[in-house]
Amino acid sequence: MEWAVLALFTLGAAALVGLPWTRPVGAPTGTDDLRELRARLLGDLAELDMDLAGGRISATDRLDGRRALAPELRAVTERLRALGEPGGRAS
């Protein structure tokens, strides 16, 4: 019986780890959703800078984080520009 509980727990943990936690770039359809996503991504970039300044992460970790966020931020910004939104300009 214990092995069955352990197996269920393991499968549940594997499912949680395997599921993506971020929305794909194609998910937001409205300009409000895109603006909100862009603001969140810019906040994440600022947080990386603050973490580096506070000594919580290394310069390499900051660079890796920025490289991970850049494609999604670029895609969102380009979609906003295509919609003629003033928030599509780079900050």
Protein backbone atom coordinates (compact mmCIF):
# COMPACT_ATOMS: atom_id res chain seq x y z
CA MET A 1 0.00 0.00 0.00
CA GLU A 2 2.81 2.41 0.83
CA TRP A 3 4.34 1.94 -2.60
CA ALA A 4 1.04 2.98 -4.23
CA VAL A 5 0.92 6.20 -2.20
CA LEU A 6 4.57 6.85 -2.99
CA ALA A 7 3.93 6.22 -6.70
CA LEU A 8 0.96 8.64 -6.71
CA PHE A 9 2.99 11.28 -4.90
CA THR A 10 5.87 10.84 -7.37
CA LEU A 11 3.55 11.13 -10.36
CA GLY A 12 1.94 14.26 -8.90
CA ALA A 13 5.32 15.87 -8.26
CA ALA A 14 6.52 14.98 -11.76
CA ALA A 15 3.38 16.52 -13.27
CA LEU A 16 3.88 19.76 -11.32
CA VAL A 17 7.52 20.00 -12.31
CA GLY A 18 6.80 19.16 -15.93
CA LEU A 19 4.01 21.66 -16.49
CA PRO A 20 4.93 25.08 -17.86
CA TRP A 21 4.18 27.91 -15.42
CA THR A 22 4.33 30.84 -17.83
CA ARG A 23 1.75 31.71 -20.42
CA PRO A 24 2.94 31.37 -24.01
CA VAL A 25 3.49 34.63 -25.87
CA GLY A 26 0.58 33.86 -28.17
CA ALA A 27 -1.88 33.61 -25.26
CA PRO A 28 -2.62 37.30 -24.58
CA THR A 29 -4.93 38.63 -27.24
CA GLY A 30 -5.96 42.05 -25.97
CA THR A 31 -3.73 45.08 -25.77
CA ASP A 32 -4.36 45.28 -22.01
CA ASP A 33 -3.05 41.74 -21.60
CA LEU A 34 0.00 42.56 -23.71
CA ARG A 35 0.70 45.75 -21.75
CA GLU A 36 0.39 43.84 -18.48
CA LEU A 37 2.73 41.09 -19.70
CA ARG A 38 5.24 43.66 -20.93
CA ALA A 39 5.15 45.48 -17.58
CA ARG A 40 5.72 42.20 -15.74
CA LEU A 41 8.67 41.31 -17.97
CA LEU A 42 10.22 44.75 -17.50
CA GLY A 43 9.74 44.35 -13.75
CA ASP A 44 11.50 40.99 -13.91
CA LEU A 45 14.44 42.63 -15.69
CA ALA A 46 14.60 45.37 -13.05
CA GLU A 47 14.50 42.73 -10.32
CA LEU A 48 17.49 40.98 -11.88
CA ASP A 49 19.40 44.27 -11.75
CA MET A 50 18.43 44.81 -8.10
CA ASP A 51 19.41 41.26 -7.19
CA LEU A 52 22.83 41.79 -8.77
CA ALA A 53 23.28 45.11 -6.97
CA GLY A 54 22.28 43.47 -3.69
CA GLY A 55 24.75 40.63 -4.18
CA ARG A 56 22.04 37.96 -4.29
CA ILE A 57 23.01 36.75 -7.77
CA SER A 58 26.16 36.80 -9.87
CA ALA A 59 26.67 38.78 -13.07
CA THR A 60 26.45 35.51 -15.00
CA ASP A 61 23.08 34.70 -13.41
CA ARG A 62 21.83 38.18 -14.31
CA LEU A 63 22.95 37.77 -17.91
CA ASP A 64 21.34 34.33 -18.13
CA GLY A 65 18.10 35.75 -16.73
CA ARG A 66 18.08 38.62 -19.20
CA ARG A 67 18.75 36.23 -22.07
CA ALA A 68 15.82 34.06 -20.94
CA LEU A 69 13.41 37.03 -20.76
CA ALA A 70 14.54 38.85 -23.90
CA PRO A 71 12.77 36.75 -26.58
CA GLU A 72 9.39 36.97 -24.86
CA LEU A 73 9.77 40.71 -24.18
CA ARG A 74 10.79 41.31 -27.79
CA ALA A 75 7.77 39.36 -29.10
CA VAL A 76 5.34 41.23 -26.84
CA THR A 77 6.84 44.60 -27.75
CA GLU A 78 6.62 43.82 -31.46
CA ARG A 79 2.96 42.79 -31.10
CA LEU A 80 2.21 46.05 -29.31
CA ARG A 81 3.99 48.01 -32.04
CA ALA A 82 1.98 46.16 -34.69
CA LEU A 83 -1.19 47.21 -32.89
CA GLY A 84 0.01 50.83 -32.87
CA GLU A 85 0.25 50.96 -29.08
CA PRO A 86 2.49 53.60 -27.51
CA GLY A 87 3.55 50.96 -24.92
CA GLY A 88 5.31 49.15 -27.73
CA ARG A 89 8.23 51.50 -27.54
CA ALA A 90 11.28 50.16 -25.75
CA SER A 91 11.90 51.68 -22.33
